[in-house]
PDB file of N, CA and C in Angstrom:
ATOM      1  N   MET A   1     -83.434 -87.425 -58.964  1.00  0.00           N
ATOM      2  CA  MET A   1     -84.462 -86.908 -59.837  1.00  0.00           C
ATOM      3  C   MET A   1     -84.732 -85.462 -59.448  1.00  0.00           C
ATOM      4  N   ALA A   2     -84.514 -84.576 -60.355  1.00  0.00           N
ATOM      5  CA  ALA A   2     -84.721 -83.147 -60.096  1.00  0.00           C
ATOM      6  C   ALA A   2     -86.174 -82.782 -60.357  1.00  0.00           C
ATOM      7  N   MET A   3     -86.687 -81.947 -59.465  1.00  0.00           N
ATOM      8  CA  MET A   3     -88.061 -81.492 -59.637  1.00  0.00           C
ATOM      9  C   MET A   3     -88.043 -80.166 -60.387  1.00  0.00           C
ATOM     10  N   ASN A   4     -89.000 -79.980 -61.239  1.00  0.00           N
ATOM     11  CA  ASN A   4     -89.134 -78.699 -61.926  1.00  0.00           C
ATOM     12  C   ASN A   4     -89.769 -77.700 -60.977  1.00  0.00           C
ATOM     13  N   THR A   5     -89.128 -76.572 -60.830  1.00  0.00           N
ATOM     14  CA  THR A   5     -89.693 -75.540 -59.968  1.00  0.00           C
ATOM     15  C   THR A   5     -90.228 -74.427 -60.854  1.00  0.00           C
ATOM     16  N   PRO A   6     -91.381 -73.939 -60.522  1.00  0.00           N
ATOM     17  CA  PRO A   6     -91.925 -72.848 -61.329  1.00  0.00           C
ATOM     18  C   PRO A   6     -91.096 -71.583 -61.148  1.00  0.00           C
ATOM     19  N   ASP A   7     -91.061 -70.779 -62.171  1.00  0.00           N
ATOM     20  CA  ASP A   7     -90.339 -69.511 -62.081  1.00  0.00           C
ATOM     21  C   ASP A   7     -90.997 -68.609 -61.054  1.00  0.00           C
ATOM     22  N   GLU A   8     -90.166 -67.886 -60.359  1.00  0.00           N
ATOM     23  CA  GLU A   8     -90.692 -66.907 -59.424  1.00  0.00           C
ATOM     24  C   GLU A   8     -91.331 -65.784 -60.229  1.00  0.00           C
ATOM     25  N   GLY A   9     -92.312 -65.171 -59.652  1.00  0.00           N
ATOM     26  CA  GLY A   9     -92.967 -64.069 -60.325  1.00  0.00           C
ATOM     27  C   GLY A   9     -92.065 -62.862 -60.445  1.00  0.00           C
ATOM     28  N   LYS A  10     -92.440 -61.958 -61.308  1.00  0.00           N
ATOM     29  CA  LYS A  10     -91.652 -60.733 -61.485  1.00  0.00           C
ATOM     30  C   LYS A  10     -91.596 -59.919 -60.201  1.00  0.00           C
ATOM     31  N   TRP A  11     -92.684 -59.943 -59.462  1.00  0.00           N
ATOM     32  CA  TRP A  11     -92.759 -59.202 -58.201  1.00  0.00           C
ATOM     33  C   TRP A  11     -91.724 -59.745 -57.211  1.00  0.00           C
ATOM     34  N   THR A  12     -91.657 -61.064 -57.069  1.00  0.00           N
ATOM     35  CA  THR A  12     -90.697 -61.683 -56.150  1.00  0.00           C
ATOM     36  C   THR A  12     -89.272 -61.393 -56.585  1.00  0.00           C
ATOM     37  N   GLU A  13     -89.024 -61.481 -57.878  1.00  0.00           N
ATOM     38  CA  GLU A  13     -87.690 -61.208 -58.398  1.00  0.00           C
ATOM     39  C   GLU A  13     -87.280 -59.765 -58.117  1.00  0.00           C
ATOM     40  N   ALA A  14     -88.196 -58.835 -58.277  1.00  0.00           N
ATOM     41  CA  ALA A  14     -87.904 -57.427 -58.012  1.00  0.00           C
ATOM     42  C   ALA A  14     -87.595 -57.200 -56.530  1.00  0.00           C
ATOM     43  N   ILE A  15     -88.349 -57.848 -55.653  1.00  0.00           N
ATOM     44  CA  ILE A  15     -88.120 -57.716 -54.205  1.00  0.00           C
ATOM     45  C   ILE A  15     -86.751 -58.279 -53.841  1.00  0.00           C
ATOM     46  N   GLU A  16     -86.433 -59.473 -54.362  1.00  0.00           N
ATOM     47  CA  GLU A  16     -85.149 -60.091 -54.056  1.00  0.00           C
ATOM     48  C   GLU A  16     -83.984 -59.262 -54.581  1.00  0.00           C
ATOM     49  N   LYS A  17     -84.167 -58.651 -55.720  1.00  0.00           N
ATOM     50  CA  LYS A  17     -83.104 -57.823 -56.296  1.00  0.00           C
ATOM     51  C   LYS A  17     -82.809 -56.627 -55.387  1.00  0.00           C
ATOM     52  N   GLN A  18     -83.866 -56.028 -54.818  1.00  0.00           N
ATOM     53  CA  GLN A  18     -83.689 -54.870 -53.941  1.00  0.00           C
ATOM     54  C   GLN A  18     -83.168 -55.285 -52.567  1.00  0.00           C
ATOM     55  N   THR A  19     -83.725 -56.352 -51.992  1.00  0.00           N
ATOM     56  CA  THR A  19     -83.318 -56.751 -50.641  1.00  0.00           C
ATOM     57  C   THR A  19     -81.898 -57.291 -50.612  1.00  0.00           C
ATOM     58  N   SER A  20     -81.421 -57.828 -51.727  1.00  0.00           N
ATOM     59  CA  SER A  20     -80.048 -58.342 -51.741  1.00  0.00           C
ATOM     60  C   SER A  20     -79.024 -57.212 -51.634  1.00  0.00           C
ATOM     61  N   LYS A  21     -79.445 -55.981 -51.840  1.00  0.00           N
ATOM     62  CA  LYS A  21     -78.554 -54.829 -51.712  1.00  0.00           C
ATOM     63  C   LYS A  21     -78.324 -54.434 -50.256  1.00  0.00           C
ATOM     64  N   VAL A  22     -79.206 -54.891 -49.366  1.00  0.00           N
ATOM     65  CA  VAL A  22     -79.106 -54.541 -47.944  1.00  0.00           C
ATOM     66  C   VAL A  22     -78.034 -55.424 -47.296  1.00  0.00           C
ATOM     67  N   PRO A  23     -77.052 -54.836 -46.618  1.00  0.00           N
ATOM     68  CA  PRO A  23     -76.035 -55.647 -45.945  1.00  0.00           C
ATOM     69  C   PRO A  23     -76.664 -56.535 -44.870  1.00  0.00           C
ATOM     70  N   SER A  24     -76.161 -57.747 -44.751  1.00  0.00           N
ATOM     71  CA  SER A  24     -76.722 -58.707 -43.791  1.00  0.00           C
ATOM     72  C   SER A  24     -76.620 -58.203 -42.357  1.00  0.00           C
ATOM     73  N   GLY A  25     -75.596 -57.431 -42.060  1.00  0.00           N
ATOM     74  CA  GLY A  25     -75.414 -56.910 -40.714  1.00  0.00           C
ATOM     75  C   GLY A  25     -76.526 -55.973 -40.266  1.00  0.00           C
ATOM     76  N   VAL A  26     -77.236 -55.390 -41.212  1.00  0.00           N
ATOM     77  CA  VAL A  26     -78.342 -54.484 -40.874  1.00  0.00           C
ATOM     78  C   VAL A  26     -79.426 -55.245 -40.107  1.00  0.00           C
ATOM     79  N   TYR A  27     -79.752 -56.444 -40.571  1.00  0.00           N
ATOM     80  CA  TYR A  27     -80.799 -57.233 -39.918  1.00  0.00           C
ATOM     81  C   TYR A  27     -80.363 -57.679 -38.523  1.00  0.00           C
ATOM     82  N   LEU A  28     -79.103 -58.105 -38.398  1.00  0.00           N
ATOM     83  CA  LEU A  28     -78.593 -58.511 -37.090  1.00  0.00           C
ATOM     84  C   LEU A  28     -78.551 -57.318 -36.137  1.00  0.00           C
ATOM     85  N   SER A  29     -78.094 -56.179 -36.622  1.00  0.00           N
ATOM     86  CA  SER A  29     -78.038 -54.974 -35.789  1.00  0.00           C
ATOM     87  C   SER A  29     -79.431 -54.541 -35.353  1.00  0.00           C
ATOM     88  N   ALA A  30     -80.383 -54.600 -36.274  1.00  0.00           N
ATOM     89  CA  ALA A  30     -81.761 -54.229 -35.938  1.00  0.00           C
ATOM     90  C   ALA A  30     -82.337 -55.169 -34.881  1.00  0.00           C
ATOM     91  N   ALA A  31     -82.052 -56.463 -35.005  1.00  0.00           N
ATOM     92  CA  ALA A  31     -82.549 -57.428 -34.026  1.00  0.00           C
ATOM     93  C   ALA A  31     -81.938 -57.168 -32.650  1.00  0.00           C
ATOM     94  N   MET A  32     -80.650 -56.875 -32.620  1.00  0.00           N
ATOM     95  CA  MET A  32     -79.998 -56.586 -31.340  1.00  0.00           C
ATOM     96  C   MET A  32     -80.548 -55.306 -30.716  1.00  0.00           C
ATOM     97  N   LEU A  33     -80.790 -54.295 -31.537  1.00  0.00           N
ATOM     98  CA  LEU A  33     -81.363 -53.043 -31.053  1.00  0.00           C
ATOM     99  C   LEU A  33     -82.761 -53.264 -30.482  1.00  0.00           C
ATOM    100  N   VAL A  34     -83.546 -54.076 -31.150  1.00  0.00           N
ATOM    101  CA  VAL A  34     -84.897 -54.382 -30.679  1.00  0.00           C
ATOM    102  C   VAL A  34     -84.837 -55.112 -29.334  1.00  0.00           C
ATOM    103  N   MET A  35     -83.898 -56.054 -29.201  1.00  0.00           N
ATOM    104  CA  MET A  35     -83.779 -56.779 -27.929  1.00  0.00           C
ATOM    105  C   MET A  35     -83.350 -55.848 -26.801  1.00  0.00           C
ATOM    106  N   ALA A  36     -82.430 -54.938 -27.095  1.00  0.00           N
ATOM    107  CA  ALA A  36     -81.994 -53.979 -26.077  1.00  0.00           C
ATOM    108  C   ALA A  36     -83.131 -53.038 -25.692  1.00  0.00           C
ATOM    109  N   THR A  37     -83.899 -52.610 -26.678  1.00  0.00           N
ATOM    110  CA  THR A  37     -85.045 -51.738 -26.407  1.00  0.00           C
ATOM    111  C   THR A  37     -86.081 -52.460 -25.555  1.00  0.00           C
ATOM    112  N   SER A  38     -86.307 -53.725 -25.879  1.00  0.00           N
ATOM    113  CA  SER A  38     -87.244 -54.529 -25.103  1.00  0.00           C
ATOM    114  C   SER A  38     -86.780 -54.655 -23.653  1.00  0.00           C
ATOM    115  N   LEU A  39     -85.486 -54.884 -23.472  1.00  0.00           N
ATOM    116  CA  LEU A  39     -84.936 -54.982 -22.120  1.00  0.00           C
ATOM    117  C   LEU A  39     -85.115 -53.669 -21.363  1.00  0.00           C
ATOM    118  N   ALA A  40     -84.902 -52.553 -22.048  1.00  0.00           N
ATOM    119  CA  ALA A  40     -85.069 -51.248 -21.400  1.00  0.00           C
ATOM    120  C   ALA A  40     -86.517 -51.050 -20.941  1.00  0.00           C
ATOM    121  N   PHE A  41     -87.465 -51.393 -21.816  1.00  0.00           N
ATOM    122  CA  PHE A  41     -88.872 -51.269 -21.420  1.00  0.00           C
ATOM    123  C   PHE A  41     -89.190 -52.185 -20.240  1.00  0.00           C
ATOM    124  N   LYS A  42     -88.615 -53.376 -20.234  1.00  0.00           N
ATOM    125  CA  LYS A  42     -88.840 -54.314 -19.127  1.00  0.00           C
ATOM    126  C   LYS A  42     -88.295 -53.728 -17.827  1.00  0.00           C
ATOM    127  N   CYS A  43     -87.110 -53.117 -17.900  1.00  0.00           N
ATOM    128  CA  CYS A  43     -86.505 -52.528 -16.699  1.00  0.00           C
ATOM    129  C   CYS A  43     -87.318 -51.359 -16.159  1.00  0.00           C
ATOM    130  N   PHE A  44     -88.012 -50.648 -17.046  1.00  0.00           N
ATOM    131  CA  PHE A  44     -88.847 -49.528 -16.621  1.00  0.00           C
ATOM    132  C   PHE A  44     -90.272 -49.947 -16.277  1.00  0.00           C
ATOM    133  N   GLY A  45     -90.520 -51.255 -16.213  1.00  0.00           N
ATOM    134  CA  GLY A  45     -91.810 -51.759 -15.782  1.00  0.00           C
ATOM    135  C   GLY A  45     -92.892 -51.796 -16.843  1.00  0.00           C
ATOM    136  N   LYS A  46     -92.534 -51.619 -18.077  1.00  0.00           N
ATOM    137  CA  LYS A  46     -93.497 -51.658 -19.193  1.00  0.00           C
ATOM    138  C   LYS A  46     -93.492 -53.066 -19.788  1.00  0.00           C
ATOM    139  N   LYS A  47     -94.053 -54.014 -19.043  1.00  0.00           N
ATOM    140  CA  LYS A  47     -93.975 -55.431 -19.402  1.00  0.00           C
ATOM    141  C   LYS A  47     -94.599 -55.726 -20.764  1.00  0.00           C
ATOM    142  N   HIS A  48     -95.792 -55.245 -20.988  1.00  0.00           N
ATOM    143  CA  HIS A  48     -96.485 -55.560 -22.240  1.00  0.00           C
ATOM    144  C   HIS A  48     -95.790 -54.940 -23.449  1.00  0.00           C
ATOM    145  N   THR A  49     -95.308 -53.724 -23.301  1.00  0.00           N
ATOM    146  CA  THR A  49     -94.568 -53.076 -24.389  1.00  0.00           C
ATOM    147  C   THR A  49     -93.271 -53.831 -24.664  1.00  0.00           C
ATOM    148  N   ALA A  50     -92.594 -54.271 -23.604  1.00  0.00           N
ATOM    149  CA  ALA A  50     -91.355 -55.028 -23.760  1.00  0.00           C
ATOM    150  C   ALA A  50     -91.600 -56.330 -24.511  1.00  0.00           C
ATOM    151  N   LEU A  51     -92.675 -57.014 -24.175  1.00  0.00           N
ATOM    152  CA  LEU A  51     -93.000 -58.274 -24.869  1.00  0.00           C
ATOM    153  C   LEU A  51     -93.341 -58.020 -26.335  1.00  0.00           C
ATOM    154  N   PHE A  52     -94.097 -56.974 -26.590  1.00  0.00           N
ATOM    155  CA  PHE A  52     -94.486 -56.646 -27.960  1.00  0.00           C
ATOM    156  C   PHE A  52     -93.254 -56.344 -28.819  1.00  0.00           C
ATOM    157  N   ILE A  53     -92.386 -55.477 -28.313  1.00  0.00           N
ATOM    158  CA  ILE A  53     -91.195 -55.099 -29.073  1.00  0.00           C
ATOM    159  C   ILE A  53     -90.221 -56.265 -29.172  1.00  0.00           C
ATOM    160  N   GLY A  54     -90.103 -57.049 -28.119  1.00  0.00           N
ATOM    161  CA  GLY A  54     -89.197 -58.191 -28.121  1.00  0.00           C
ATOM    162  C   GLY A  54     -89.536 -59.233 -29.178  1.00  0.00           C
ATOM    163  N   GLN A  55     -90.794 -59.299 -29.554  1.00  0.00           N
ATOM    164  CA  GLN A  55     -91.202 -60.270 -30.569  1.00  0.00           C
ATOM    165  C   GLN A  55     -90.758 -59.875 -31.974  1.00  0.00           C
ATOM    166  N   TRP A  56     -90.253 -58.686 -32.157  1.00  0.00           N
ATOM    167  CA  TRP A  56     -89.799 -58.250 -33.475  1.00  0.00           C
ATOM    168  C   TRP A  56     -88.456 -58.867 -33.840  1.00  0.00           C
ATOM    169  N   ALA A  57     -87.696 -59.337 -32.857  1.00  0.00           N
ATOM    170  CA  ALA A  57     -86.348 -59.851 -33.112  1.00  0.00           C
ATOM    171  C   ALA A  57     -86.369 -61.065 -34.040  1.00  0.00           C
ATOM    172  N   ALA A  58     -87.253 -62.006 -33.791  1.00  0.00           N
ATOM    173  CA  ALA A  58     -87.292 -63.227 -34.608  1.00  0.00           C
ATOM    174  C   ALA A  58     -87.579 -62.935 -36.086  1.00  0.00           C
ATOM    175  N   PRO A  59     -88.605 -62.133 -36.414  1.00  0.00           N
ATOM    176  CA  PRO A  59     -88.812 -61.830 -37.842  1.00  0.00           C
ATOM    177  C   PRO A  59     -87.634 -61.112 -38.485  1.00  0.00           C
ATOM    178  N   LEU A  60     -86.967 -60.236 -37.748  1.00  0.00           N
ATOM    179  CA  LEU A  60     -85.801 -59.547 -38.298  1.00  0.00           C
ATOM    180  C   LEU A  60     -84.678 -60.537 -38.606  1.00  0.00           C
ATOM    181  N   LEU A  61     -84.467 -61.487 -37.705  1.00  0.00           N
ATOM    182  CA  LEU A  61     -83.431 -62.491 -37.940  1.00  0.00           C
ATOM    183  C   LEU A  61     -83.798 -63.409 -39.107  1.00  0.00           C
ATOM    184  N   ILE A  62     -85.066 -63.743 -39.235  1.00  0.00           N
ATOM    185  CA  ILE A  62     -85.514 -64.562 -40.364  1.00  0.00           C
ATOM    186  C   ILE A  62     -85.316 -63.813 -41.674  1.00  0.00           C
ATOM    187  N   MET A  63     -85.625 -62.520 -41.682  1.00  0.00           N
ATOM    188  CA  MET A  63     -85.396 -61.731 -42.896  1.00  0.00           C
ATOM    189  C   MET A  63     -83.903 -61.678 -43.228  1.00  0.00           C
ATOM    190  N   GLY A  64     -83.062 -61.638 -42.208  1.00  0.00           N
ATOM    191  CA  GLY A  64     -81.622 -61.661 -42.437  1.00  0.00           C
ATOM    192  C   GLY A  64     -81.157 -62.967 -43.056  1.00  0.00           C
ATOM    193  N   VAL A  65     -81.716 -64.077 -42.595  1.00  0.00           N
ATOM    194  CA  VAL A  65     -81.381 -65.379 -43.178  1.00  0.00           C
ATOM    195  C   VAL A  65     -81.848 -65.437 -44.627  1.00  0.00           C
ATOM    196  N   TYR A  66     -83.059 -64.981 -44.883  1.00  0.00           N
ATOM    197  CA  TYR A  66     -83.582 -64.960 -46.254  1.00  0.00           C
ATOM    198  C   TYR A  66     -82.681 -64.091 -47.145  1.00  0.00           C
ATOM    199  N   ASN A  67     -82.280 -62.949 -46.628  1.00  0.00           N
ATOM    200  CA  ASN A  67     -81.394 -62.044 -47.366  1.00  0.00           C
ATOM    201  C   ASN A  67     -80.087 -62.748 -47.709  1.00  0.00           C
ATOM    202  N   LYS A  68     -79.531 -63.466 -46.749  1.00  0.00           N
ATOM    203  CA  LYS A  68     -78.262 -64.164 -46.969  1.00  0.00           C
ATOM    204  C   LYS A  68     -78.429 -65.257 -48.021  1.00  0.00           C
ATOM    205  N   ILE A  69     -79.538 -65.975 -47.980  1.00  0.00           N
ATOM    206  CA  ILE A  69     -79.800 -67.022 -48.979  1.00  0.00           C
ATOM    207  C   ILE A  69     -79.903 -66.429 -50.366  1.00  0.00           C
ATOM    208  N   VAL A  70     -80.628 -65.326 -50.491  1.00  0.00           N
ATOM    209  CA  VAL A  70     -80.777 -64.673 -51.786  1.00  0.00           C
ATOM    210  C   VAL A  70     -79.421 -64.228 -52.319  1.00  0.00           C
ATOM    211  N   LYS A  71     -78.567 -63.728 -51.417  1.00  0.00           N
ATOM    212  CA  LYS A  71     -77.254 -63.265 -51.853  1.00  0.00           C
ATOM    213  C   LYS A  71     -76.364 -64.423 -52.315  1.00  0.00           C
ATOM    214  N   THR A  72     -76.414 -65.546 -51.608  1.00  0.00           N
ATOM    215  CA  THR A  72     -75.518 -66.656 -51.926  1.00  0.00           C
ATOM    216  C   THR A  72     -76.068 -67.536 -53.048  1.00  0.00           C
ATOM    217  N   GLU A  73     -77.358 -67.773 -53.050  1.00  0.00           N
ATOM    218  CA  GLU A  73     -77.958 -68.657 -54.044  1.00  0.00           C
ATOM    219  C   GLU A  73     -78.479 -67.902 -55.267  1.00  0.00           C
ATOM    220  N   GLY A  74     -78.704 -66.628 -55.100  1.00  0.00           N
ATOM    221  CA  GLY A  74     -79.273 -65.841 -56.193  1.00  0.00           C
ATOM    222  C   GLY A  74     -80.773 -66.072 -56.303  1.00  0.00           C
ATOM    223  N   HIS A  75     -81.379 -65.400 -57.247  1.00  0.00           N
ATOM    224  CA  HIS A  75     -82.806 -65.615 -57.473  1.00  0.00           C
ATOM    225  C   HIS A  75     -82.966 -66.231 -58.855  1.00  0.00           C
ATOM    226  N   ASP A  76     -84.109 -66.865 -59.057  1.00  0.00           N
ATOM    227  CA  ASP A  76     -84.344 -67.597 -60.321  1.00  0.00           C
ATOM    228  C   ASP A  76     -84.239 -66.728 -61.528  1.00  0.00           C
TER     229      ASP A  76
END
């Protein structure tokens, strides 16, 4: 039994159309850069800054997954 899904709003469709143009490797590269930067701050004794910057990796990777889904599945 298929469920009816409401149409995505115009705003969401516009965002997905633009973000699908970004290569998936950009998000992975950004996440790796953030992790390396976090490690550098940790090595220089800036513990709190390292933790703050290190937390950016997960959202970047999630955005990369979302980007990949939009590219493969398309938008409504």
